[in-house]
Amino acid sequence: MAKHQRILPWVVGAICLLIYPFVDQALNLQTLYAVTDAAVFVVLALGLNIVVGYAGLLDLGYAAFFAIGAYTTGVLTWPAHGLEWNFWIVLWLSVVIAALFGVIIGAPTLRARGDYLAIITLAFGEVIPIAFRNLWNLDIRIGGWVLLENFNLTNGPQGLNPVGRPTLFGFEFGFDPLPWYFLILVIGVLVVLASHRLENSRLGRAWVAIREDETAAACMGVDPIRTKLLAFALGASFSGFAGAFYAAKLQAIFPELFRFQVSIVILCMVILGGMGSIKGVVIGGMFIMFFDRVILAQATQGVRGLGRILNVTPLMNVDLQLWRWLCFGATLIVVMVLRPEGLFPSQRWRAELHATEEAGTEVATR
């Protein structure tokens, strides 16, 4: 009976996810685009959760891996390059290349800890979009040999447009949001399953050990550098999925899509939902993106309508989406003060946090 009770919520959730887009279209709710974009960011948040939630490494430049995955797809499918590779091949190449860059950035920097690691990843997150903005007039010469001359790799600030779309059994993904929803749903399910297996694996326990006490973990035979490097690589690989999907869905990629704010939004999802909690990260990510893309947009229209009725010019011109960062910041402050473990934390993280608080209280009372 207990087994059926555990399975029932998952069955109900799966049914809701499958019938949701048809209900949305039947009722003309027009939220399918927003939910699909939210699912992309949930996949990103699950990848960052490996780095921050499991391994305890503060990464402030995670959007860089998102950009790498997207630009890999763009470069290999942009008609001007004459490649136009199959999307399903490029999807997995984006995963591999994003993971490779996770190793490249992690190998020389993971010896740093705390604030130093955060600053390094912040710099990496700023460098990558700038690099993509400037890789449109490449000259590579070795002595008298010209390997590349005036080669346009990323098309600079104009971005790559169009990007190749996936086809499946002769069906080409177009402007209909329904196939895109089901594609990101499949990717999301794969990412959730992978996260669950990693969390309960030997590697997942090694990440937790390093997060709690790196010195003690090293004494128990855990290689800190190798283990943290795997966290960076696997976390980055998830962004490859999200980047490839996002580029194909938008049909265009620009450097401005991967600014520092994207990294902060993804980090907010992990913190709000609960670091180390798969369920928490999914709910936190959906909540933040739904609030940003649906609630604020609808509230803006409502306030403007009220302004037209009352003939109040400031209300007619208001844009509540400009206040999203104030809302996110205020929400994080409230959560950190009242529930620092997040809204839906993992049992392990909650126990560790409260054990630390109790130890600190006991020391203070002596």
Protein backbone atom coordinates (compact mmCIF):
# COMPACT_ATOMS: atom_id res chain seq x y z
CA MET A 1 0.00 0.00 0.00
CA ALA A 2 2.82 2.39 0.88
CA LYS A 3 4.40 1.74 -2.52
CA HIS A 4 1.17 2.67 -4.30
CA GLN A 5 0.92 5.83 -2.22
CA ARG A 6 4.42 6.85 -3.30
CA ILE A 7 3.73 6.17 -6.97
CA LEU A 8 0.29 7.85 -7.11
CA PRO A 9 1.55 11.50 -6.97
CA TRP A 10 3.98 10.79 -9.82
CA VAL A 11 1.21 9.25 -11.93
CA VAL A 12 -1.11 12.20 -11.28
CA GLY A 13 1.70 14.65 -12.08
CA ALA A 14 2.52 12.86 -15.35
CA ILE A 15 -1.13 12.92 -16.42
CA CYS A 16 -1.38 16.65 -15.63
CA LEU A 17 1.76 17.40 -17.66
CA LEU A 18 0.45 15.43 -20.63
CA ILE A 19 -3.03 16.98 -20.74
CA TYR A 20 -1.97 20.54 -19.76
CA PRO A 21 -1.12 21.80 -23.29
CA PHE A 22 -4.44 20.61 -24.70
CA VAL A 23 -6.32 22.31 -21.86
CA ASP A 24 -4.29 25.47 -22.48
CA GLN A 25 -5.23 25.49 -26.16
CA ALA A 26 -8.86 24.59 -25.50
CA LEU A 27 -9.29 27.44 -23.00
CA ASN A 28 -7.06 29.82 -25.02
CA LEU A 29 -4.94 30.55 -21.95
CA GLN A 30 -1.84 31.24 -24.08
CA THR A 31 0.58 30.15 -21.37
CA LEU A 32 2.25 27.32 -23.29
CA TYR A 33 5.13 29.47 -24.55
CA ALA A 34 5.83 30.73 -21.03
CA VAL A 35 5.71 27.25 -19.51
CA THR A 36 8.03 25.89 -22.21
CA ASP A 37 10.57 28.65 -21.54
CA ALA A 38 10.20 28.02 -17.82
CA ALA A 39 11.01 24.35 -18.36
CA VAL A 40 14.25 25.36 -20.11
CA PHE A 41 15.30 27.28 -17.02
CA VAL A 42 14.28 24.40 -14.78
CA VAL A 43 16.71 22.18 -16.69
CA LEU A 44 19.39 24.82 -16.17
CA ALA A 45 18.57 25.05 -12.47
CA LEU A 46 18.87 21.27 -12.09
CA GLY A 47 22.33 21.46 -13.62
CA LEU A 48 23.36 24.27 -11.28
CA ASN A 49 21.89 22.30 -8.39
CA ILE A 50 24.61 19.68 -8.93
CA VAL A 51 27.29 22.34 -8.53
CA VAL A 52 25.72 24.41 -5.76
CA GLY A 53 23.32 22.05 -4.01
CA TYR A 54 25.28 18.80 -4.09
CA ALA A 55 28.93 19.87 -4.24
CA GLY A 56 28.53 23.20 -2.42
CA LEU A 57 30.43 25.24 -5.05
CA LEU A 58 29.20 28.79 -5.64
CA ASP A 59 28.99 29.31 -9.42
CA LEU A 60 28.00 32.82 -10.49
CA GLY A 61 28.68 32.32 -14.20
CA TYR A 62 26.53 29.33 -15.06
CA ALA A 63 24.89 31.18 -17.96
CA ALA A 64 28.21 30.83 -19.81
CA PHE A 65 27.62 27.09 -20.24
CA PHE A 66 24.09 27.87 -21.40
CA ALA A 67 25.60 30.15 -24.05
CA ILE A 68 28.13 27.50 -25.09
CA GLY A 69 25.39 24.92 -25.63
CA ALA A 70 23.27 27.39 -27.61
CA TYR A 71 26.13 28.65 -29.78
CA THR A 72 27.30 25.10 -30.49
CA THR A 73 23.89 24.41 -31.97
CA GLY A 74 23.85 27.73 -33.79
CA VAL A 75 27.29 27.39 -35.34
CA LEU A 76 26.67 23.83 -36.55
CA THR A 77 23.23 24.57 -38.04
CA TRP A 78 23.62 28.16 -39.35
CA PRO A 79 23.10 28.06 -43.15
CA ALA A 80 25.87 30.63 -43.74
CA HIS A 81 28.43 28.09 -42.51
CA GLY A 82 27.18 25.52 -44.97
CA LEU A 83 26.98 22.84 -42.28
CA GLU A 84 23.30 22.55 -41.29
CA TRP A 85 23.89 19.40 -39.26
CA ASN A 86 21.03 17.29 -37.97
CA PHE A 87 19.63 18.76 -34.77
CA TRP A 88 19.57 15.45 -32.90
CA ILE A 89 23.31 15.01 -33.46
CA VAL A 90 24.02 18.63 -32.58
CA LEU A 91 21.97 18.28 -29.38
CA TRP A 92 24.36 15.67 -27.99
CA LEU A 93 27.40 17.55 -29.30
CA SER A 94 26.19 20.60 -27.36
CA VAL A 95 26.03 18.48 -24.22
CA VAL A 96 29.56 17.14 -24.76
CA ILE A 97 31.08 20.54 -25.59
CA ALA A 98 29.40 22.22 -22.61
CA ALA A 99 30.75 19.48 -20.34
CA LEU A 100 34.19 19.88 -21.91
CA PHE A 101 34.18 23.57 -21.11
CA GLY A 102 33.10 22.68 -17.58
CA VAL A 103 36.32 20.67 -17.32
CA ILE A 104 38.38 23.44 -18.94
CA ILE A 105 37.16 26.13 -16.55
CA GLY A 106 37.10 23.82 -13.55
CA ALA A 107 40.55 22.22 -13.85
CA PRO A 108 42.61 25.36 -13.12
CA THR A 109 40.14 27.06 -10.77
CA LEU A 110 38.63 24.46 -8.45
CA ARG A 111 41.56 24.68 -6.08
CA ALA A 112 40.10 28.05 -5.13
CA ARG A 113 37.34 28.08 -2.54
CA GLY A 114 34.47 30.23 -1.38
CA ASP A 115 34.51 33.83 -2.57
CA TYR A 116 37.52 33.29 -4.83
CA LEU A 117 35.76 30.55 -6.79
CA ALA A 118 32.65 32.72 -7.06
CA ILE A 119 34.70 35.60 -8.51
CA ILE A 120 36.41 33.31 -11.03
CA THR A 121 33.12 31.86 -12.25
CA LEU A 122 31.62 35.36 -12.38
CA ALA A 123 34.48 36.45 -14.65
CA PHE A 124 34.01 33.37 -16.83
CA GLY A 125 30.33 34.14 -17.18
CA GLU A 126 31.16 37.65 -18.38
CA VAL A 127 33.97 36.62 -20.73
CA ILE A 128 32.03 34.03 -22.76
CA PRO A 129 29.26 36.35 -24.11
CA ILE A 130 31.89 38.98 -24.92
CA ALA A 131 33.93 36.36 -26.77
CA PHE A 132 30.89 35.30 -28.81
CA ARG A 133 30.19 38.95 -29.57
CA ASN A 134 33.67 39.35 -31.08
CA LEU A 135 34.24 36.02 -32.85
CA TRP A 136 32.98 37.24 -36.22
CA ASN A 137 36.18 38.35 -37.94
CA LEU A 138 38.69 35.62 -37.18
CA ASP A 139 42.23 35.54 -38.58
CA ILE A 140 44.44 32.61 -37.64
CA ARG A 141 47.96 32.58 -39.09
CA ILE A 142 50.93 30.35 -38.28
CA GLY A 143 54.02 31.80 -39.86
CA GLY A 144 53.20 32.20 -43.52
CA TRP A 145 50.27 29.81 -43.38
CA VAL A 146 46.79 31.27 -43.28
CA LEU A 147 44.43 28.86 -41.51
CA LEU A 148 41.50 31.27 -41.27
CA GLU A 149 41.04 34.71 -42.74
CA ASN A 150 38.12 36.97 -41.95
CA PHE A 151 36.04 33.98 -40.82
CA ASN A 152 32.63 34.79 -39.37
CA LEU A 153 32.05 32.23 -36.61
CA THR A 154 29.32 33.82 -34.46
CA ASN A 155 28.14 36.78 -36.58
CA GLY A 156 29.02 39.15 -33.76
CA PRO A 157 26.32 41.29 -32.12
CA GLN A 158 23.84 40.40 -34.88
CA GLY A 159 23.84 36.79 -33.67
CA LEU A 160 23.11 33.62 -35.58
CA ASN A 161 19.82 33.66 -37.46
CA PRO A 162 18.29 31.31 -38.47
CA VAL A 163 19.23 28.30 -36.39
CA GLY A 164 18.32 24.82 -37.62
CA ARG A 165 15.14 23.28 -36.27
CA PRO A 166 14.63 19.62 -35.42
CA THR A 167 12.67 17.25 -37.62
CA LEU A 168 11.18 13.97 -36.45
CA PHE A 169 9.90 11.34 -38.90
CA GLY A 170 9.41 14.01 -41.54
CA PHE A 171 7.68 16.45 -39.16
CA GLU A 172 9.49 19.77 -38.80
CA PHE A 173 9.14 21.73 -35.56
CA GLY A 174 7.68 25.10 -36.47
CA PHE A 175 5.80 27.87 -34.71
CA ASP A 176 3.30 25.57 -33.01
CA PRO A 177 4.34 25.49 -29.31
CA LEU A 178 2.92 22.00 -28.73
CA PRO A 179 5.83 19.91 -30.12
CA TRP A 180 8.35 22.18 -28.39
CA TYR A 181 6.55 21.61 -25.09
CA PHE A 182 6.72 17.85 -25.42
CA LEU A 183 10.36 17.96 -26.48
CA ILE A 184 11.44 19.98 -23.43
CA LEU A 185 9.22 17.72 -21.31
CA VAL A 186 11.19 14.69 -22.49
CA ILE A 187 14.49 16.49 -21.88
CA GLY A 188 13.30 17.56 -18.43
CA VAL A 189 12.31 14.02 -17.48
CA LEU A 190 15.73 12.72 -18.58
CA VAL A 191 17.47 15.42 -16.55
CA VAL A 192 15.36 14.73 -13.44
CA LEU A 193 16.05 11.00 -13.67
CA ALA A 194 19.77 11.65 -14.13
CA SER A 195 19.79 14.02 -11.15
CA HIS A 196 18.02 11.44 -8.99
CA ARG A 197 20.51 8.72 -9.92
CA LEU A 198 23.44 11.03 -9.26
CA GLU A 199 22.04 12.13 -5.91
CA ASN A 200 21.87 8.54 -4.64
CA SER A 201 25.11 7.37 -6.25
CA ARG A 202 28.55 7.02 -4.73
CA LEU A 203 29.57 10.19 -6.57
CA GLY A 204 26.60 12.06 -5.10
CA ARG A 205 27.60 11.06 -1.59
CA ALA A 206 31.15 12.19 -2.34
CA TRP A 207 29.82 15.61 -3.39
CA VAL A 208 27.90 15.92 -0.12
CA ALA A 209 30.97 14.89 1.86
CA ILE A 210 33.07 17.57 0.17
CA ARG A 211 30.35 20.15 0.71
CA GLU A 212 30.25 19.46 4.43
CA ASP A 213 33.97 19.03 5.13
CA GLU A 214 36.49 18.81 2.30
CA THR A 215 39.39 17.91 4.57
CA ALA A 216 37.50 15.06 6.24
CA ALA A 217 36.32 13.80 2.84
CA ALA A 218 39.91 13.78 1.55
CA CYS A 219 40.98 11.77 4.62
CA MET A 220 38.28 9.21 3.77
CA GLY A 221 39.72 8.71 0.30
CA VAL A 222 37.67 11.18 -1.75
CA ASP A 223 39.69 13.09 -4.36
CA PRO A 224 38.37 16.66 -3.91
CA ILE A 225 39.61 18.11 -7.20
CA ARG A 226 38.42 15.20 -9.35
CA THR A 227 35.06 15.06 -7.57
CA LYS A 228 34.44 18.80 -7.90
CA LEU A 229 35.54 18.67 -11.53
CA LEU A 230 32.91 16.01 -12.23
CA ALA A 231 30.31 18.26 -10.60
CA PHE A 232 31.28 21.13 -12.90
CA ALA A 233 31.29 18.91 -15.99
CA LEU A 234 27.96 17.19 -15.27
CA GLY A 235 26.30 20.43 -14.24
CA ALA A 236 27.51 22.08 -17.44
CA SER A 237 26.29 19.15 -19.54
CA PHE A 238 22.70 19.85 -18.47
CA SER A 239 23.07 23.38 -19.80
CA GLY A 240 24.03 21.89 -23.16
CA PHE A 241 20.57 20.33 -23.42
CA ALA A 242 18.91 23.60 -22.46
CA GLY A 243 21.08 25.72 -24.76
CA ALA A 244 20.52 23.53 -27.81
CA PHE A 245 16.77 23.48 -27.28
CA TYR A 246 16.58 27.22 -26.60
CA ALA A 247 18.56 28.11 -29.72
CA ALA A 248 16.44 25.88 -31.96
CA LYS A 249 13.19 27.16 -30.47
CA LEU A 250 14.09 30.86 -30.76
CA GLN A 251 15.63 30.36 -34.23
CA ALA A 252 18.18 33.02 -33.31
CA ILE A 253 20.96 33.51 -30.78
CA PHE A 254 22.41 36.78 -29.53
CA PRO A 255 25.12 37.41 -26.90
CA GLU A 256 22.70 39.55 -24.88
CA LEU A 257 20.58 36.48 -24.13
CA PHE A 258 23.26 35.17 -21.76
CA ARG A 259 23.99 38.12 -19.51
CA PHE A 260 24.90 37.94 -15.83
CA GLN A 261 21.25 38.30 -14.83
CA VAL A 262 20.52 34.86 -16.30
CA SER A 263 23.01 33.26 -13.90
CA ILE A 264 21.39 35.09 -11.00
CA VAL A 265 17.89 33.97 -11.97
CA ILE A 266 19.02 30.34 -12.16
CA LEU A 267 20.75 30.64 -8.78
CA CYS A 268 17.57 32.16 -7.32
CA MET A 269 15.61 29.12 -8.50
CA VAL A 270 17.98 26.76 -6.70
CA ILE A 271 18.01 28.79 -3.47
CA LEU A 272 14.28 29.47 -3.42
CA GLY A 273 13.26 25.89 -4.11
CA GLY A 274 15.84 24.31 -1.83
CA MET A 275 19.48 23.52 -2.57
CA GLY A 276 20.04 19.82 -3.12
CA SER A 277 16.34 19.11 -3.63
CA ILE A 278 15.22 18.04 -7.09
CA LYS A 279 11.56 18.67 -6.31
CA GLY A 280 12.39 22.02 -4.75
CA VAL A 281 14.45 23.19 -7.72
CA VAL A 282 11.71 22.20 -10.19
CA ILE A 283 8.99 23.98 -8.19
CA GLY A 284 11.18 27.00 -7.46
CA GLY A 285 12.14 27.32 -11.12
CA MET A 286 8.58 27.05 -12.37
CA PHE A 287 7.39 29.54 -9.75
CA ILE A 288 9.97 32.20 -10.63
CA MET A 289 9.54 31.87 -14.39
CA PHE A 290 5.74 31.71 -14.20
CA PHE A 291 5.75 34.78 -11.97
CA ASP A 292 8.04 36.62 -14.41
CA ARG A 293 6.49 35.56 -17.73
CA VAL A 294 2.81 35.26 -16.81
CA ILE A 295 1.84 36.95 -13.54
CA LEU A 296 3.83 40.17 -14.05
CA ALA A 297 2.76 40.41 -17.70
CA GLN A 298 -0.92 39.91 -16.83
CA ALA A 299 -0.67 42.30 -13.88
CA THR A 300 0.85 44.94 -16.17
CA GLN A 301 -2.08 44.66 -18.55
CA GLY A 302 -4.49 44.86 -15.64
CA VAL A 303 -2.91 48.01 -14.21
CA ARG A 304 -2.80 49.65 -17.63
CA GLY A 305 -6.47 48.82 -18.15
CA LEU A 306 -7.26 50.38 -14.79
CA GLY A 307 -5.25 53.44 -15.80
CA ARG A 308 -7.29 53.83 -18.99
CA ILE A 309 -10.52 53.56 -17.03
CA LEU A 310 -9.39 56.15 -14.47
CA ASN A 311 -7.55 58.22 -17.10
CA VAL A 312 -4.34 58.18 -15.05
CA THR A 313 -1.32 58.46 -17.36
CA PRO A 314 1.32 56.88 -15.02
CA LEU A 315 -0.87 53.80 -14.63
CA MET A 316 -1.42 53.56 -18.38
CA ASN A 317 2.37 53.48 -18.97
CA VAL A 318 3.39 51.24 -16.08
CA ASP A 319 5.48 48.10 -16.74
CA LEU A 320 5.62 45.85 -13.70
CA GLN A 321 8.14 43.55 -15.42
CA LEU A 322 10.76 46.25 -14.89
CA TRP A 323 10.38 45.55 -11.17
CA ARG A 324 11.13 41.83 -11.45
CA TRP A 325 14.55 42.15 -9.79
CA LEU A 326 13.05 43.98 -6.82
CA CYS A 327 10.51 41.17 -6.46
CA PHE A 328 13.16 38.44 -6.76
CA GLY A 329 15.46 40.20 -4.29
CA ALA A 330 12.71 40.76 -1.74
CA THR A 331 11.60 37.13 -2.07
CA LEU A 332 15.12 35.85 -1.48
CA ILE A 333 15.54 38.06 1.59
CA VAL A 334 12.29 36.75 3.08
CA VAL A 335 13.22 33.13 2.30
CA MET A 336 16.74 33.47 3.72
CA VAL A 337 15.41 35.00 6.93
CA LEU A 338 12.40 32.77 7.52
CA ARG A 339 13.38 29.53 5.77
CA PRO A 340 17.09 29.44 4.83
CA GLU A 341 16.91 25.84 3.65
CA GLY A 342 14.45 26.84 0.88
CA LEU A 343 10.78 26.17 0.39
CA PHE A 344 11.13 22.47 -0.45
CA PRO A 345 14.54 21.37 0.87
CA SER A 346 15.92 17.86 0.79
CA GLN A 347 15.71 16.00 4.08
CA ARG A 348 19.50 15.72 4.22
CA TRP A 349 20.06 19.44 3.69
CA ARG A 350 17.42 20.38 6.27
CA ALA A 351 18.91 18.03 8.86
CA GLU A 352 22.44 19.33 8.24
CA LEU A 353 21.36 22.97 8.44
CA HIS A 354 19.42 22.55 11.67
CA ALA A 355 22.21 20.45 13.17
CA THR A 356 24.62 23.32 12.48
CA GLU A 357 22.19 25.84 14.00
CA GLU A 358 21.72 23.70 17.10
CA ALA A 359 25.47 23.28 17.51
CA GLY A 360 25.95 27.03 17.23
CA THR A 361 23.20 27.67 19.78
CA GLU A 362 24.73 25.15 22.18
CA VAL A 363 28.17 26.78 21.91
CA ALA A 364 26.65 30.22 22.45
CA THR A 365 24.87 29.15 25.64
CA ARG A 366 27.99 27.70 27.27
